[in-house]
């Protein structure tokens, strides 16, 4: 399992992120405070506070291609 912090600043960011996540078979969760949502759920993401960083939890060790695809959203 890997963790990264991400920011989704706009509606288009959310759409692009969900489109990227749905290409992969492994599970990805987003954690914000006490809430955990499936990263493949656009409605779930809109239920989070998008003004703050969100923790992305990837349930796979073979996710380098995915991380490259979502790199624009990762906060360093």
Protein backbone atom coordinates (compact mmCIF):
# COMPACT_ATOMS: atom_id res chain seq x y z
CA UNK A 1 0.00 0.00 0.00
CA UNK A 2 1.22 3.50 -0.84
CA UNK A 3 0.06 6.91 0.35
CA UNK A 4 0.34 10.30 -1.33
CA UNK A 5 -1.29 13.64 -0.63
CA UNK A 6 -3.21 15.18 -3.52
CA UNK A 7 -5.10 18.38 -4.32
CA UNK A 8 -8.11 18.48 -6.64
CA UNK A 9 -8.67 22.20 -7.20
CA UNK A 10 -11.30 22.23 -9.95
CA UNK A 11 -14.19 20.18 -11.31
CA UNK A 12 -12.00 19.29 -14.29
CA UNK A 13 -9.28 18.05 -11.91
CA UNK A 14 -11.81 15.74 -10.24
CA UNK A 15 -13.01 14.41 -13.62
CA UNK A 16 -9.46 13.82 -14.89
CA UNK A 17 -8.47 12.11 -11.62
CA UNK A 18 -11.51 9.78 -11.62
CA UNK A 19 -10.91 8.93 -15.30
CA UNK A 20 -7.31 7.99 -14.45
CA UNK A 21 -8.27 5.88 -11.41
CA UNK A 22 -10.97 3.91 -13.22
CA UNK A 23 -8.39 2.56 -15.70
CA UNK A 24 -6.81 0.43 -12.97
CA UNK A 25 -8.10 -2.70 -11.23
CA UNK A 26 -6.66 -2.00 -7.80
CA UNK A 27 -8.50 -0.13 -5.05
CA UNK A 28 -7.75 3.53 -4.35
CA UNK A 29 -9.26 5.34 -1.36
CA UNK A 30 -9.30 9.04 -0.54
CA UNK A 31 -9.11 10.07 3.12
CA UNK A 32 -10.13 13.49 4.39
CA UNK A 33 -10.50 13.86 8.13
CA UNK A 34 -12.70 10.99 9.28
CA UNK A 35 -14.15 10.36 5.81
CA UNK A 36 -12.97 7.64 3.44
CA UNK A 37 -14.34 7.45 -0.13
CA UNK A 38 -13.66 5.28 -3.15
CA UNK A 39 -11.50 7.29 -5.57
CA UNK A 40 -13.55 5.90 -8.47
CA UNK A 41 -16.69 7.64 -7.12
CA UNK A 42 -17.02 11.16 -8.49
CA UNK A 43 -19.96 11.85 -6.16
CA UNK A 44 -17.98 10.61 -3.18
CA UNK A 45 -15.09 12.95 -4.02
CA UNK A 46 -17.43 15.93 -4.25
CA UNK A 47 -18.54 15.11 -0.70
CA UNK A 48 -15.01 15.84 0.56
CA UNK A 49 -13.54 19.22 1.47
CA UNK A 50 -11.61 19.95 -1.73
CA UNK A 51 -10.05 23.11 -0.30
CA UNK A 52 -7.63 20.92 1.70
CA UNK A 53 -5.11 18.23 0.82
CA UNK A 54 -6.58 14.74 0.53
CA UNK A 55 -4.67 11.57 1.35
CA UNK A 56 -4.73 9.01 -1.44
CA UNK A 57 -4.26 5.40 -0.32
CA UNK A 58 -3.35 2.97 -3.12
CA UNK A 59 -3.94 -0.71 -2.33
CA UNK A 60 -1.28 -2.04 -4.69
CA UNK A 61 2.50 -2.19 -4.81
CA UNK A 62 2.56 -2.20 -8.62
CA UNK A 63 1.23 1.31 -9.23
CA UNK A 64 4.09 3.29 -10.80
CA UNK A 65 2.20 3.82 -14.06
CA UNK A 66 -0.82 5.09 -12.11
CA UNK A 67 1.34 7.44 -10.03
CA UNK A 68 2.83 8.88 -13.22
CA UNK A 69 -0.66 9.50 -14.56
CA UNK A 70 -1.88 11.33 -11.44
CA UNK A 71 1.41 13.17 -10.86
CA UNK A 72 -0.12 16.62 -11.58
CA UNK A 73 -2.39 16.20 -8.53
CA UNK A 74 0.27 14.97 -6.08
CA UNK A 75 1.47 17.50 -3.50
CA UNK A 76 5.16 17.32 -2.65
